[in-house]
Amino acid sequence: MEVTPSPAAIHVRDSKDASGPRLALTPDAWRTSRPTRRGADGRSRLSSNNRAL
């Protein structure tokens, strides 16, 4: 998954299918629906720019 934030929208696409469908979410929608990755310690593995590590 590739996530590209901009002031008006968060753009999401499948990084393995660059010509495939894309999704654009408002920042509010992204905050309520974004995926998270958690490690064995239960802590989030998202970086400060919201890209999964």
PDB file of N, CA and C in Angstrom:
ATOM      1  N   MET A   1       0.843  -1.164   0.000  1.00  0.00           N
ATOM      2  CA  MET A   1       0.000   0.000   0.000  1.00  0.00           C
ATOM      3  C   MET A   1       0.892   1.231   0.000  1.00  0.00           C
ATOM      4  N   GLU A   2       0.580   2.163  -0.856  1.00  0.00           N
ATOM      5  CA  GLU A   2       1.302   3.425  -0.930  1.00  0.00           C
ATOM      6  C   GLU A   2       0.359   4.546  -0.519  1.00  0.00           C
ATOM      7  N   VAL A   3       0.816   5.391   0.397  1.00  0.00           N
ATOM      8  CA  VAL A   3       0.010   6.485   0.923  1.00  0.00           C
ATOM      9  C   VAL A   3       0.736   7.790   0.660  1.00  0.00           C
ATOM     10  N   THR A   4       0.041   8.740   0.040  1.00  0.00           N
ATOM     11  CA  THR A   4       0.627  10.049  -0.249  1.00  0.00           C
ATOM     12  C   THR A   4      -0.296  11.133   0.299  1.00  0.00           C
ATOM     13  N   PRO A   5       0.118  11.780   1.378  1.00  0.00           N
ATOM     14  CA  PRO A   5      -0.725  12.841   1.935  1.00  0.00           C
ATOM     15  C   PRO A   5      -0.546  14.161   1.199  1.00  0.00           C
ATOM     16  N   SER A   6      -1.618  14.921   1.117  1.00  0.00           N
ATOM     17  CA  SER A   6      -1.592  16.294   0.611  1.00  0.00           C
ATOM     18  C   SER A   6      -2.542  17.090   1.509  1.00  0.00           C
ATOM     19  N   PRO A   7      -2.545  18.407   1.435  1.00  0.00           N
ATOM     20  CA  PRO A   7      -3.415  19.182   2.329  1.00  0.00           C
ATOM     21  C   PRO A   7      -4.906  18.856   2.192  1.00  0.00           C
ATOM     22  N   ALA A   8      -5.372  18.547   0.997  1.00  0.00           N
ATOM     23  CA  ALA A   8      -6.806  18.335   0.779  1.00  0.00           C
ATOM     24  C   ALA A   8      -7.236  16.871   0.819  1.00  0.00           C
ATOM     25  N   ALA A   9      -6.313  15.932   0.602  1.00  0.00           N
ATOM     26  CA  ALA A   9      -6.694  14.522   0.526  1.00  0.00           C
ATOM     27  C   ALA A   9      -5.509  13.622   0.845  1.00  0.00           C
ATOM     28  N   ILE A  10      -5.830  12.398   1.240  1.00  0.00           N
ATOM     29  CA  ILE A  10      -4.831  11.348   1.428  1.00  0.00           C
ATOM     30  C   ILE A  10      -5.073  10.362   0.288  1.00  0.00           C
ATOM     31  N   HIS A  11      -4.059  10.166  -0.552  1.00  0.00           N
ATOM     32  CA  HIS A  11      -4.174   9.299  -1.723  1.00  0.00           C
ATOM     33  C   HIS A  11      -3.584   7.935  -1.394  1.00  0.00           C
ATOM     34  N   VAL A  12      -4.335   6.874  -1.705  1.00  0.00           N
ATOM     35  CA  VAL A  12      -3.940   5.504  -1.381  1.00  0.00           C
ATOM     36  C   VAL A  12      -4.040   4.651  -2.635  1.00  0.00           C
ATOM     37  N   ARG A  13      -3.045   3.784  -2.840  1.00  0.00           N
ATOM     38  CA  ARG A  13      -3.096   2.837  -3.961  1.00  0.00           C
ATOM     39  C   ARG A  13      -2.289   1.599  -3.599  1.00  0.00           C
ATOM     40  N   ASP A  14      -2.478   0.564  -4.400  1.00  0.00           N
ATOM     41  CA  ASP A  14      -1.713  -0.673  -4.254  1.00  0.00           C
ATOM     42  C   ASP A  14      -0.351  -0.449  -4.901  1.00  0.00           C
ATOM     43  N   SER A  15       0.701  -0.513  -4.122  1.00  0.00           N
ATOM     44  CA  SER A  15       2.036  -0.244  -4.657  1.00  0.00           C
ATOM     45  C   SER A  15       2.489  -1.296  -5.668  1.00  0.00           C
ATOM     46  N   LYS A  16       1.854  -2.453  -5.682  1.00  0.00           N
ATOM     47  CA  LYS A  16       2.218  -3.502  -6.637  1.00  0.00           C
ATOM     48  C   LYS A  16       1.447  -3.388  -7.949  1.00  0.00           C
ATOM     49  N   ASP A  17       0.445  -2.503  -7.984  1.00  0.00           N
ATOM     50  CA  ASP A  17      -0.366  -2.307  -9.184  1.00  0.00           C
ATOM     51  C   ASP A  17      -0.535  -0.804  -9.415  1.00  0.00           C
ATOM     52  N   ALA A  18       0.526  -0.158  -9.870  1.00  0.00           N
ATOM     53  CA  ALA A  18       0.547   1.303 -10.009  1.00  0.00           C
ATOM     54  C   ALA A  18      -0.516   1.830 -10.961  1.00  0.00           C
ATOM     55  N   SER A  19      -0.979   1.039 -11.898  1.00  0.00           N
ATOM     56  CA  SER A  19      -2.002   1.506 -12.834  1.00  0.00           C
ATOM     57  C   SER A  19      -3.413   1.135 -12.380  1.00  0.00           C
ATOM     58  N   GLY A  20      -3.521   0.503 -11.227  1.00  0.00           N
ATOM     59  CA  GLY A  20      -4.822   0.078 -10.713  1.00  0.00           C
ATOM     60  C   GLY A  20      -5.603   1.204 -10.060  1.00  0.00           C
ATOM     61  N   PRO A  21      -6.694   0.853  -9.400  1.00  0.00           N
ATOM     62  CA  PRO A  21      -7.553   1.859  -8.776  1.00  0.00           C
ATOM     63  C   PRO A  21      -6.845   2.622  -7.665  1.00  0.00           C
ATOM     64  N   ARG A  22      -7.309   3.834  -7.444  1.00  0.00           N
ATOM     65  CA  ARG A  22      -6.760   4.704  -6.409  1.00  0.00           C
ATOM     66  C   ARG A  22      -7.900   5.212  -5.546  1.00  0.00           C
ATOM     67  N   LEU A  23      -7.582   5.523  -4.325  1.00  0.00           N
ATOM     68  CA  LEU A  23      -8.568   6.006  -3.380  1.00  0.00           C
ATOM     69  C   LEU A  23      -8.086   7.331  -2.816  1.00  0.00           C
ATOM     70  N   ALA A  24      -8.963   8.306  -2.723  1.00  0.00           N
ATOM     71  CA  ALA A  24      -8.633   9.596  -2.122  1.00  0.00           C
ATOM     72  C   ALA A  24      -9.584   9.820  -0.952  1.00  0.00           C
ATOM     73  N   LEU A  25      -9.026  10.043   0.216  1.00  0.00           N
ATOM     74  CA  LEU A  25      -9.804  10.273   1.433  1.00  0.00           C
ATOM     75  C   LEU A  25      -9.533  11.664   1.973  1.00  0.00           C
ATOM     76  N   THR A  26     -10.531  12.258   2.608  1.00  0.00           N
ATOM     77  CA  THR A  26     -10.286  13.515   3.299  1.00  0.00           C
ATOM     78  C   THR A  26      -9.403  13.213   4.507  1.00  0.00           C
ATOM     79  N   PRO A  27      -8.686  14.188   5.016  1.00  0.00           N
ATOM     80  CA  PRO A  27      -7.871  13.943   6.214  1.00  0.00           C
ATOM     81  C   PRO A  27      -8.695  13.397   7.382  1.00  0.00           C
ATOM     82  N   ASP A  28      -9.927  13.886   7.583  1.00  0.00           N
ATOM     83  CA  ASP A  28     -10.773  13.369   8.663  1.00  0.00           C
ATOM     84  C   ASP A  28     -11.129  11.905   8.445  1.00  0.00           C
ATOM     85  N   ALA A  29     -11.464  11.535   7.212  1.00  0.00           N
ATOM     86  CA  ALA A  29     -11.789  10.139   6.904  1.00  0.00           C
ATOM     87  C   ALA A  29     -10.569   9.245   7.107  1.00  0.00           C
ATOM     88  N   TRP A  30      -9.396   9.716   6.733  1.00  0.00           N
ATOM     89  CA  TRP A  30      -8.174   8.941   6.916  1.00  0.00           C
ATOM     90  C   TRP A  30      -7.910   8.682   8.399  1.00  0.00           C
ATOM     91  N   ARG A  31      -8.065   9.699   9.221  1.00  0.00           N
ATOM     92  CA  ARG A  31      -7.806   9.544  10.662  1.00  0.00           C
ATOM     93  C   ARG A  31      -8.709   8.489  11.280  1.00  0.00           C
ATOM     94  N   THR A  32      -9.936   8.374  10.809  1.00  0.00           N
ATOM     95  CA  THR A  32     -10.861   7.410  11.404  1.00  0.00           C
ATOM     96  C   THR A  32     -10.782   6.024  10.791  1.00  0.00           C
ATOM     97  N   SER A  33     -10.148   5.883   9.628  1.00  0.00           N
ATOM     98  CA  SER A  33     -10.151   4.579   8.951  1.00  0.00           C
ATOM     99  C   SER A  33      -8.780   4.041   8.600  1.00  0.00           C
ATOM    100  N   ARG A  34      -7.724   4.772   8.911  1.00  0.00           N
ATOM    101  CA  ARG A  34      -6.401   4.331   8.459  1.00  0.00           C
ATOM    102  C   ARG A  34      -5.986   3.006   9.090  1.00  0.00           C
ATOM    103  N   PRO A  35      -5.302   2.207   8.322  1.00  0.00           N
ATOM    104  CA  PRO A  35      -4.802   0.936   8.853  1.00  0.00           C
ATOM    105  C   PRO A  35      -3.623   1.198   9.778  1.00  0.00           C
ATOM    106  N   THR A  36      -3.445   0.333  10.726  1.00  0.00           N
ATOM    107  CA  THR A  36      -2.275   0.437  11.595  1.00  0.00           C
ATOM    108  C   THR A  36      -1.586  -0.910  11.642  1.00  0.00           C
ATOM    109  N   ARG A  37      -0.323  -0.860  11.835  1.00  0.00           N
ATOM    110  CA  ARG A  37       0.453  -2.077  12.056  1.00  0.00           C
ATOM    111  C   ARG A  37       0.957  -2.018  13.476  1.00  0.00           C
ATOM    112  N   ARG A  38       0.833  -3.093  14.165  1.00  0.00           N
ATOM    113  CA  ARG A  38       1.280  -3.140  15.553  1.00  0.00           C
ATOM    114  C   ARG A  38       2.305  -4.257  15.691  1.00  0.00           C
ATOM    115  N   GLY A  39       3.313  -3.971  16.469  1.00  0.00           N
ATOM    116  CA  GLY A  39       4.336  -4.958  16.743  1.00  0.00           C
ATOM    117  C   GLY A  39       3.911  -5.858  17.887  1.00  0.00           C
ATOM    118  N   ALA A  40       4.764  -6.796  18.247  1.00  0.00           N
ATOM    119  CA  ALA A  40       4.475  -7.719  19.336  1.00  0.00           C
ATOM    120  C   ALA A  40       4.238  -6.989  20.651  1.00  0.00           C
ATOM    121  N   ASP A  41       4.829  -5.801  20.786  1.00  0.00           N
ATOM    122  CA  ASP A  41       4.643  -5.028  22.016  1.00  0.00           C
ATOM    123  C   ASP A  41       3.340  -4.229  22.014  1.00  0.00           C
ATOM    124  N   GLY A  42       2.541  -4.307  20.923  1.00  0.00           N
ATOM    125  CA  GLY A  42       1.277  -3.606  20.842  1.00  0.00           C
ATOM    126  C   GLY A  42       1.386  -2.154  20.421  1.00  0.00           C
ATOM    127  N   ARG A  43       2.600  -1.687  20.174  1.00  0.00           N
ATOM    128  CA  ARG A  43       2.790  -0.287  19.787  1.00  0.00           C
ATOM    129  C   ARG A  43       2.631  -0.127  18.285  1.00  0.00           C
ATOM    130  N   SER A  44       2.114   1.016  17.885  1.00  0.00           N
ATOM    131  CA  SER A  44       1.906   1.306  16.471  1.00  0.00           C
ATOM    132  C   SER A  44       3.241   1.349  15.744  1.00  0.00           C
ATOM    133  N   ARG A  45       3.250   0.897  14.515  1.00  0.00           N
ATOM    134  CA  ARG A  45       4.447   0.912  13.687  1.00  0.00           C
ATOM    135  C   ARG A  45       4.326   1.936  12.568  1.00  0.00           C
ATOM    136  N   LEU A  46       3.488   2.952  12.744  1.00  0.00           N
ATOM    137  CA  LEU A  46       3.369   3.999  11.732  1.00  0.00           C
ATOM    138  C   LEU A  46       4.368   5.099  12.026  1.00  0.00           C
ATOM    139  N   SER A  47       4.977   5.599  10.990  1.00  0.00           N
ATOM    140  CA  SER A  47       5.911   6.712  11.137  1.00  0.00           C
ATOM    141  C   SER A  47       5.132   8.018  11.239  1.00  0.00           C
ATOM    142  N   SER A  48       5.819   9.107  11.450  1.00  0.00           N
ATOM    143  CA  SER A  48       5.161  10.398  11.622  1.00  0.00           C
ATOM    144  C   SER A  48       4.439  10.859  10.354  1.00  0.00           C
ATOM    145  N   ASN A  49       4.791  10.345   9.183  1.00  0.00           N
ATOM    146  CA  ASN A  49       4.082  10.735   7.965  1.00  0.00           C
ATOM    147  C   ASN A  49       3.004   9.738   7.576  1.00  0.00           C
ATOM    148  N   ASN A  50       2.647   8.843   8.510  1.00  0.00           N
ATOM    149  CA  ASN A  50       1.558   7.861   8.350  1.00  0.00           C
ATOM    150  C   ASN A  50       1.851   6.741   7.365  1.00  0.00           C
ATOM    151  N   ARG A  51       3.067   6.564   6.967  1.00  0.00           N
ATOM    152  CA  ARG A  51       3.389   5.436   6.094  1.00  0.00           C
ATOM    153  C   ARG A  51       3.779   4.256   6.969  1.00  0.00           C
ATOM    154  N   ALA A  52       3.260   3.116   6.653  1.00  0.00           N
ATOM    155  CA  ALA A  52       3.568   1.925   7.435  1.00  0.00           C
ATOM    156  C   ALA A  52       5.046   1.597   7.304  1.00  0.00           C
ATOM    157  N   LEU A  53       5.657   1.260   8.411  1.00  0.00           N
ATOM    158  CA  LEU A  53       7.083   0.901   8.399  1.00  0.00           C
ATOM    159  C   LEU A  53       7.261  -0.576   8.191  1.00  0.00           C
TER     160      LEU A  53
END
